[in-house]
Structures are given as C-alpha cells and as structure tokens.
Amino acid sequence: MIQAPDTPSDERASLPDEVLVAAAVARPAEFGALYERYLARVYRYLVTRTTSREEAADLTQGVFERAFDG
C-alpha cells in the first residue's frame, strides 16, 4: 500500500472513511487504504452470493475497479 508520507498506516486505519475517500480523490495512490479496509468484507459478501470463489474474486476485482474509477 502506498502511504501518505505524513500519516503512518496504523493512524490511517483509524481514520473515518470520509477522510480516506477525500485523500483518494486528491491522490489516487491513496485508494489503497480503502482497498485494504474493505477487500475482505466485499469478498466474503460475494462468496456467499456466488457459486464459486473464483467468481467472487472476479466480482470483487470489478467492485474495486468501479470504485477507483468513480
């Protein structure tokens, strides 16, 4: 994950989503913090709604691609 030089990753973990989103809008490299925060949750959700782990992984990738583009 790429970090802002003035914010250690342990501090970023406690930041509200709104702050992380604003950072990602200003610097797209900061999207990694949101990705790390939500990757497991999104994947777990999709695993329960699909027929295979591979499909869930593909859908998870699509979710984050759309979020990054948005």
Protein backbone atom coordinates (compact mmCIF):
# COMPACT_ATOMS: atom_id res chain seq x y z
CA MET A 1 0.00 0.00 0.00
CA ILE A 2 1.19 3.48 -0.79
CA GLN A 3 1.01 5.78 2.20
CA ALA A 4 0.88 9.50 2.60
CA PRO A 5 4.33 10.42 3.89
CA ASP A 6 2.95 12.17 6.96
CA THR A 7 0.42 9.53 8.05
CA PRO A 8 1.61 6.16 9.37
CA SER A 9 -0.55 3.20 8.34
CA ASP A 10 -1.67 2.49 11.93
CA GLU A 11 -3.06 6.02 12.18
CA ARG A 12 -4.75 5.67 8.79
CA ALA A 13 -6.52 2.55 9.99
CA SER A 14 -8.46 4.65 12.48
CA LEU A 15 -9.37 7.43 10.05
CA PRO A 16 -13.03 7.72 9.02
CA ASP A 17 -14.00 6.62 5.52
CA GLU A 18 -14.74 10.20 4.52
CA VAL A 19 -11.14 11.19 5.18
CA LEU A 20 -9.80 8.23 3.22
CA VAL A 21 -12.11 8.96 0.30
CA ALA A 22 -11.04 12.60 0.23
CA ALA A 23 -7.39 11.53 0.28
CA ALA A 24 -8.02 9.09 -2.59
CA VAL A 25 -9.77 11.79 -4.64
CA ALA A 26 -6.83 14.14 -4.13
CA ARG A 27 -4.20 11.44 -4.69
CA PRO A 28 -5.42 8.24 -6.41
CA ALA A 29 -2.50 6.31 -4.90
CA GLU A 30 -4.25 6.69 -1.55
CA PHE A 31 -7.08 4.40 -2.72
CA GLY A 32 -5.07 1.51 -1.30
CA ALA A 33 -6.19 2.35 2.23
CA LEU A 34 -9.83 1.88 1.25
CA TYR A 35 -8.99 -1.27 -0.69
CA GLU A 36 -7.26 -2.80 2.32
CA ARG A 37 -10.09 -1.80 4.64
CA TYR A 38 -12.87 -3.32 2.53
CA LEU A 39 -11.29 -6.13 0.48
CA ALA A 40 -12.09 -8.96 2.89
CA ARG A 41 -15.62 -7.71 3.59
CA VAL A 42 -16.53 -7.35 -0.06
CA TYR A 43 -15.04 -10.73 -0.93
CA ARG A 44 -16.81 -12.51 1.96
CA TYR A 45 -20.11 -10.96 0.94
CA LEU A 46 -19.68 -12.04 -2.69
CA VAL A 47 -18.58 -15.57 -1.74
CA THR A 48 -21.94 -16.06 -0.03
CA ARG A 49 -23.80 -14.80 -3.10
CA THR A 50 -21.97 -16.65 -5.88
CA THR A 51 -21.34 -20.25 -6.88
CA SER A 52 -17.53 -20.22 -6.70
CA ARG A 53 -14.63 -18.46 -5.04
CA GLU A 54 -13.22 -17.60 -8.46
CA GLU A 55 -16.42 -15.81 -9.42
CA ALA A 56 -16.39 -13.96 -6.10
CA ALA A 57 -12.78 -12.92 -6.69
CA ASP A 58 -13.59 -11.66 -10.19
CA LEU A 59 -16.58 -9.71 -8.91
CA THR A 60 -14.54 -8.28 -6.05
CA GLN A 61 -11.98 -7.02 -8.55
CA GLY A 62 -14.76 -5.40 -10.55
CA VAL A 63 -16.19 -3.69 -7.48
CA PHE A 64 -12.85 -2.08 -6.66
CA GLU A 65 -12.16 -1.14 -10.27
CA ARG A 66 -15.51 0.67 -10.46
CA ALA A 67 -14.93 2.33 -7.10
CA PHE A 68 -11.48 3.52 -8.19
CA ASP A 69 -12.82 4.85 -11.49
CA GLY A 70 -15.66 6.59 -9.67
